[in-house]
Amino acid sequence: MSSSVRVQAAAFDVDAEVAALRGGDARIGAIVSFVGTVRDVNDGAAVSTLELEHYPGMTERALEAIVTEARARFDVYGIRVVHRVGPLRPTDPIVLVAVTSAHRGDAFDACRFVMDYLKTRAPFWKKERTPSGDRWVDARVGDDEAAARWSEPAMAAGGRST
């Protein structure tokens, strides 16, 4: 079972990351991955640059805690999270979450769980450059609602997804 978390400025190669996570493990029947990218429009304004800031050390620990919780909730073999920081342009990849499992249900659920918690619990700050100037990106109510669904009684009791 493998898991890894990285925060970096450099771009990442999705295929290489997924291959490294898989590592030739013949037990794996499902690999689910999510790649988030920079959009060119947000809240009705054109975005030319998105800059992500973080607290080194604190951010990695928060991501590791999310991965640890996902591993406890879902029957998975491995989870890999790569999150970029620094200035990014539209279409640049921001984040990769990849999960391996014997079955797709746990892989999908764990991937969604990690992303939902990453959006609400990981200490990242985003600043967009728009035609009217720079602006900080506020947290979204929808992200909080997505994360809250994992607190439902069946999941809070440590039940595994089916």
C-alpha atoms as a PDB file:
ATOM      1  CA  MET A   1       0.000   0.000   0.000  1.00  0.00           C
ATOM      2  CA  SER A   2       1.439   3.321  -1.011  1.00  0.00           C
ATOM      3  CA  SER A   3       0.474   6.901  -0.529  1.00  0.00           C
ATOM      4  CA  SER A   4       2.290  10.108  -1.248  1.00  0.00           C
ATOM      5  CA  VAL A   5       1.685  13.826  -1.007  1.00  0.00           C
ATOM      6  CA  ARG A   6       3.683  16.518  -2.784  1.00  0.00           C
ATOM      7  CA  VAL A   7       3.331  20.275  -3.055  1.00  0.00           C
ATOM      8  CA  GLN A   8       5.431  21.754  -5.839  1.00  0.00           C
ATOM      9  CA  ALA A   9       5.734  24.606  -8.320  1.00  0.00           C
ATOM     10  CA  ALA A  10       6.732  22.356 -11.235  1.00  0.00           C
ATOM     11  CA  ALA A  11       4.244  20.778 -13.600  1.00  0.00           C
ATOM     12  CA  PHE A  12       3.546  17.064 -13.176  1.00  0.00           C
ATOM     13  CA  ASP A  13       3.113  14.213 -15.647  1.00  0.00           C
ATOM     14  CA  VAL A  14      -0.231  12.536 -14.945  1.00  0.00           C
ATOM     15  CA  ASP A  15       0.695   9.301 -16.724  1.00  0.00           C
ATOM     16  CA  ALA A  16       3.997   8.995 -14.853  1.00  0.00           C
ATOM     17  CA  GLU A  17       2.329   9.721 -11.508  1.00  0.00           C
ATOM     18  CA  VAL A  18      -0.398   7.119 -12.069  1.00  0.00           C
ATOM     19  CA  ALA A  19       2.145   4.531 -13.281  1.00  0.00           C
ATOM     20  CA  ALA A  20       4.270   5.110 -10.178  1.00  0.00           C
ATOM     21  CA  LEU A  21       1.213   4.725  -7.938  1.00  0.00           C
ATOM     22  CA  ARG A  22       0.193   1.521  -9.703  1.00  0.00           C
ATOM     23  CA  GLY A  23       3.702   0.127  -9.478  1.00  0.00           C
ATOM     24  CA  GLY A  24       2.817  -3.173 -11.144  1.00  0.00           C
ATOM     25  CA  ASP A  25       0.482  -4.219  -8.300  1.00  0.00           C
ATOM     26  CA  ALA A  26      -1.638  -7.021  -9.803  1.00  0.00           C
ATOM     27  CA  ARG A  27      -4.295  -6.658  -7.066  1.00  0.00           C
ATOM     28  CA  ILE A  28      -5.393  -3.312  -8.511  1.00  0.00           C
ATOM     29  CA  GLY A  29      -8.661  -3.486 -10.420  1.00  0.00           C
ATOM     30  CA  ALA A  30      -9.411   0.239 -10.433  1.00  0.00           C
ATOM     31  CA  ILE A  31      -7.431   3.433 -10.838  1.00  0.00           C
ATOM     32  CA  VAL A  32      -9.367   6.662 -10.505  1.00  0.00           C
ATOM     33  CA  SER A  33      -7.746  10.028 -11.024  1.00  0.00           C
ATOM     34  CA  PHE A  34      -8.841  13.640 -10.959  1.00  0.00           C
ATOM     35  CA  VAL A  35      -6.875  16.502 -12.483  1.00  0.00           C
ATOM     36  CA  GLY A  36      -7.930  20.050 -11.659  1.00  0.00           C
ATOM     37  CA  THR A  37      -6.918  22.773 -14.104  1.00  0.00           C
ATOM     38  CA  VAL A  38      -6.926  26.578 -14.174  1.00  0.00           C
ATOM     39  CA  ARG A  39     -10.010  28.039 -15.836  1.00  0.00           C
ATOM     40  CA  ASP A  40      -9.843  31.181 -17.974  1.00  0.00           C
ATOM     41  CA  VAL A  41     -13.020  32.616 -16.423  1.00  0.00           C
ATOM     42  CA  ASN A  42     -14.158  32.645 -12.798  1.00  0.00           C
ATOM     43  CA  ASP A  43     -17.158  34.432 -11.329  1.00  0.00           C
ATOM     44  CA  GLY A  44     -17.777  36.144 -14.662  1.00  0.00           C
ATOM     45  CA  ALA A  45     -14.288  37.637 -15.030  1.00  0.00           C
ATOM     46  CA  ALA A  46     -11.453  36.639 -17.343  1.00  0.00           C
ATOM     47  CA  VAL A  47      -8.509  35.143 -15.459  1.00  0.00           C
ATOM     48  CA  SER A  48      -5.025  35.557 -16.917  1.00  0.00           C
ATOM     49  CA  THR A  49      -3.091  34.145 -13.950  1.00  0.00           C
ATOM     50  CA  LEU A  50      -3.906  32.196 -10.808  1.00  0.00           C
ATOM     51  CA  GLU A  51      -1.333  32.305  -8.029  1.00  0.00           C
ATOM     52  CA  LEU A  52      -1.489  29.700  -5.283  1.00  0.00           C
ATOM     53  CA  GLU A  53       0.167  30.297  -1.921  1.00  0.00           C
ATOM     54  CA  HIS A  54       0.607  27.878   0.975  1.00  0.00           C
ATOM     55  CA  TYR A  55       2.419  27.328   4.268  1.00  0.00           C
ATOM     56  CA  PRO A  56       5.210  24.790   3.607  1.00  0.00           C
ATOM     57  CA  GLY A  57       5.083  21.914   6.049  1.00  0.00           C
ATOM     58  CA  MET A  58       1.610  22.791   7.309  1.00  0.00           C
ATOM     59  CA  THR A  59       0.063  22.200   3.902  1.00  0.00           C
ATOM     60  CA  GLU A  60       1.733  18.818   3.442  1.00  0.00           C
ATOM     61  CA  ARG A  61       0.649  17.730   6.932  1.00  0.00           C
ATOM     62  CA  ALA A  62      -2.951  18.729   6.177  1.00  0.00           C
ATOM     63  CA  LEU A  63      -2.896  16.770   2.902  1.00  0.00           C
ATOM     64  CA  GLU A  64      -1.344  13.756   4.632  1.00  0.00           C
ATOM     65  CA  ALA A  65      -4.109  13.842   7.260  1.00  0.00           C
ATOM     66  CA  ILE A  66      -6.752  13.870   4.507  1.00  0.00           C
ATOM     67  CA  VAL A  67      -5.093  10.896   2.801  1.00  0.00           C
ATOM     68  CA  THR A  68      -4.853   9.025   6.120  1.00  0.00           C
ATOM     69  CA  GLU A  69      -8.559   9.608   6.754  1.00  0.00           C
ATOM     70  CA  ALA A  70      -9.462   8.435   3.232  1.00  0.00           C
ATOM     71  CA  ARG A  71      -7.412   5.264   3.707  1.00  0.00           C
ATOM     72  CA  ALA A  72      -9.295   4.579   6.961  1.00  0.00           C
ATOM     73  CA  ARG A  73     -12.699   5.097   5.319  1.00  0.00           C
ATOM     74  CA  PHE A  74     -12.245   3.299   2.012  1.00  0.00           C
ATOM     75  CA  ASP A  75     -10.752  -0.007   0.914  1.00  0.00           C
ATOM     76  CA  VAL A  76      -7.917   1.378  -1.223  1.00  0.00           C
ATOM     77  CA  TYR A  77      -4.353   0.354  -1.971  1.00  0.00           C
ATOM     78  CA  GLY A  78      -2.780   3.719  -2.687  1.00  0.00           C
ATOM     79  CA  ILE A  79      -3.453   7.438  -2.917  1.00  0.00           C
ATOM     80  CA  ARG A  80      -1.293  10.063  -4.561  1.00  0.00           C
ATOM     81  CA  VAL A  81      -1.830  13.825  -4.259  1.00  0.00           C
ATOM     82  CA  VAL A  82       0.255  16.346  -6.184  1.00  0.00           C
ATOM     83  CA  HIS A  83      -0.684  20.007  -5.724  1.00  0.00           C
ATOM     84  CA  ARG A  84       0.979  22.918  -7.444  1.00  0.00           C
ATOM     85  CA  VAL A  85       1.745  26.344  -6.026  1.00  0.00           C
ATOM     86  CA  GLY A  86       3.017  29.569  -7.547  1.00  0.00           C
ATOM     87  CA  PRO A  87       1.774  31.335 -10.669  1.00  0.00           C
ATOM     88  CA  LEU A  88      -0.318  29.278 -13.086  1.00  0.00           C
ATOM     89  CA  ARG A  89      -2.054  30.115 -16.354  1.00  0.00           C
ATOM     90  CA  PRO A  90      -5.351  28.898 -17.820  1.00  0.00           C
ATOM     91  CA  THR A  91      -5.230  25.203 -18.792  1.00  0.00           C
ATOM     92  CA  ASP A  92      -2.296  24.509 -16.412  1.00  0.00           C
ATOM     93  CA  PRO A  93      -2.905  21.534 -14.113  1.00  0.00           C
ATOM     94  CA  ILE A  94      -3.246  22.502 -10.441  1.00  0.00           C
ATOM     95  CA  VAL A  95      -3.903  19.226  -8.649  1.00  0.00           C
ATOM     96  CA  LEU A  96      -3.810  15.489  -9.196  1.00  0.00           C
ATOM     97  CA  VAL A  97      -5.570  13.013  -6.929  1.00  0.00           C
ATOM     98  CA  ALA A  98      -5.116   9.370  -7.958  1.00  0.00           C
ATOM     99  CA  VAL A  99      -6.434   6.326  -6.100  1.00  0.00           C
ATOM    100  CA  THR A 100      -5.945   2.594  -6.590  1.00  0.00           C
ATOM    101  CA  SER A 101      -8.251  -0.107  -5.269  1.00  0.00           C
ATOM    102  CA  ALA A 102      -9.515  -3.569  -6.065  1.00  0.00           C
ATOM    103  CA  HIS A 103     -12.888  -2.106  -7.089  1.00  0.00           C
ATOM    104  CA  ARG A 104     -14.071   1.114  -8.696  1.00  0.00           C
ATOM    105  CA  GLY A 105     -16.561   2.136  -5.987  1.00  0.00           C
ATOM    106  CA  ASP A 106     -13.947   2.604  -3.291  1.00  0.00           C
ATOM    107  CA  ALA A 107     -11.552   4.244  -5.751  1.00  0.00           C
ATOM    108  CA  PHE A 108     -14.160   6.772  -6.926  1.00  0.00           C
ATOM    109  CA  ASP A 109     -15.361   7.492  -3.395  1.00  0.00           C
ATOM    110  CA  ALA A 110     -11.856   7.935  -1.997  1.00  0.00           C
ATOM    111  CA  CYS A 111     -10.861  10.227  -4.865  1.00  0.00           C
ATOM    112  CA  ARG A 112     -13.948  12.403  -4.373  1.00  0.00           C
ATOM    113  CA  PHE A 113     -13.454  12.420  -0.590  1.00  0.00           C
ATOM    114  CA  VAL A 114      -9.834  13.572  -0.915  1.00  0.00           C
ATOM    115  CA  MET A 115     -10.788  16.363  -3.340  1.00  0.00           C
ATOM    116  CA  ASP A 116     -13.762  17.486  -1.236  1.00  0.00           C
ATOM    117  CA  TYR A 117     -11.632  17.678   1.909  1.00  0.00           C
ATOM    118  CA  LEU A 118      -8.661  19.195   0.076  1.00  0.00           C
ATOM    119  CA  LYS A 119     -10.883  22.085  -1.076  1.00  0.00           C
ATOM    120  CA  THR A 120     -12.022  22.809   2.491  1.00  0.00           C
ATOM    121  CA  ARG A 121      -9.206  21.689   4.813  1.00  0.00           C
ATOM    122  CA  ALA A 122      -5.909  22.259   3.020  1.00  0.00           C
ATOM    123  CA  PRO A 123      -4.267  25.653   3.638  1.00  0.00           C
ATOM    124  CA  PHE A 124      -3.995  27.097   0.131  1.00  0.00           C
ATOM    125  CA  TRP A 125      -4.770  30.666  -0.882  1.00  0.00           C
ATOM    126  CA  LYS A 126      -5.622  31.623  -4.450  1.00  0.00           C
ATOM    127  CA  LYS A 127      -5.222  35.019  -6.064  1.00  0.00           C
ATOM    128  CA  GLU A 128      -6.536  35.667  -9.559  1.00  0.00           C
ATOM    129  CA  ARG A 129      -5.314  38.308 -11.978  1.00  0.00           C
ATOM    130  CA  THR A 130      -8.281  39.756 -13.885  1.00  0.00           C
ATOM    131  CA  PRO A 131      -8.713  42.786 -16.196  1.00  0.00           C
ATOM    132  CA  SER A 132      -9.963  44.796 -13.199  1.00  0.00           C
ATOM    133  CA  GLY A 133      -7.026  43.812 -10.974  1.00  0.00           C
ATOM    134  CA  ASP A 134      -5.956  41.091  -8.582  1.00  0.00           C
ATOM    135  CA  ARG A 135      -8.473  39.436  -6.267  1.00  0.00           C
ATOM    136  CA  TRP A 136      -8.363  36.697  -3.651  1.00  0.00           C
ATOM    137  CA  VAL A 137     -10.633  33.721  -4.316  1.00  0.00           C
ATOM    138  CA  ASP A 138     -13.168  33.162  -1.557  1.00  0.00           C
ATOM    139  CA  ALA A 139     -14.152  29.748  -0.267  1.00  0.00           C
ATOM    140  CA  ARG A 140     -17.235  28.368  -2.000  1.00  0.00           C
ATOM    141  CA  VAL A 141     -20.370  27.260  -0.185  1.00  0.00           C
ATOM    142  CA  GLY A 142     -20.620  24.326  -2.611  1.00  0.00           C
ATOM    143  CA  ASP A 143     -17.210  23.055  -1.479  1.00  0.00           C
ATOM    144  CA  ASP A 144     -18.349  23.076   2.156  1.00  0.00           C
ATOM    145  CA  GLU A 145     -21.558  21.264   1.197  1.00  0.00           C
ATOM    146  CA  ALA A 146     -19.592  18.630  -0.739  1.00  0.00           C
ATOM    147  CA  ALA A 147     -17.297  17.991   2.233  1.00  0.00           C
ATOM    148  CA  ALA A 148     -20.238  17.920   4.666  1.00  0.00           C
ATOM    149  CA  ARG A 149     -21.778  14.912   2.935  1.00  0.00           C
ATOM    150  CA  TRP A 150     -18.879  12.798   4.218  1.00  0.00           C
ATOM    151  CA  SER A 151     -19.987  13.627   7.778  1.00  0.00           C
ATOM    152  CA  GLU A 152     -23.336  11.866   7.356  1.00  0.00           C
ATOM    153  CA  PRO A 153     -23.997   9.345  10.165  1.00  0.00           C
ATOM    154  CA  ALA A 154     -23.112   6.229   8.158  1.00  0.00           C
ATOM    155  CA  MET A 155     -19.800   7.710   7.029  1.00  0.00           C
ATOM    156  CA  ALA A 156     -19.021   9.366  10.380  1.00  0.00           C
ATOM    157  CA  ALA A 157     -19.338   5.981  12.047  1.00  0.00           C
ATOM    158  CA  GLY A 158     -16.438   4.788   9.930  1.00  0.00           C
ATOM    159  CA  GLY A 159     -18.564   2.836   7.499  1.00  0.00           C
ATOM    160  CA  ARG A 160     -16.890   1.918   4.251  1.00  0.00           C
ATOM    161  CA  SER A 161     -18.527   2.813   0.993  1.00  0.00           C
ATOM    162  CA  THR A 162     -20.198   0.082  -0.980  1.00  0.00           C
END
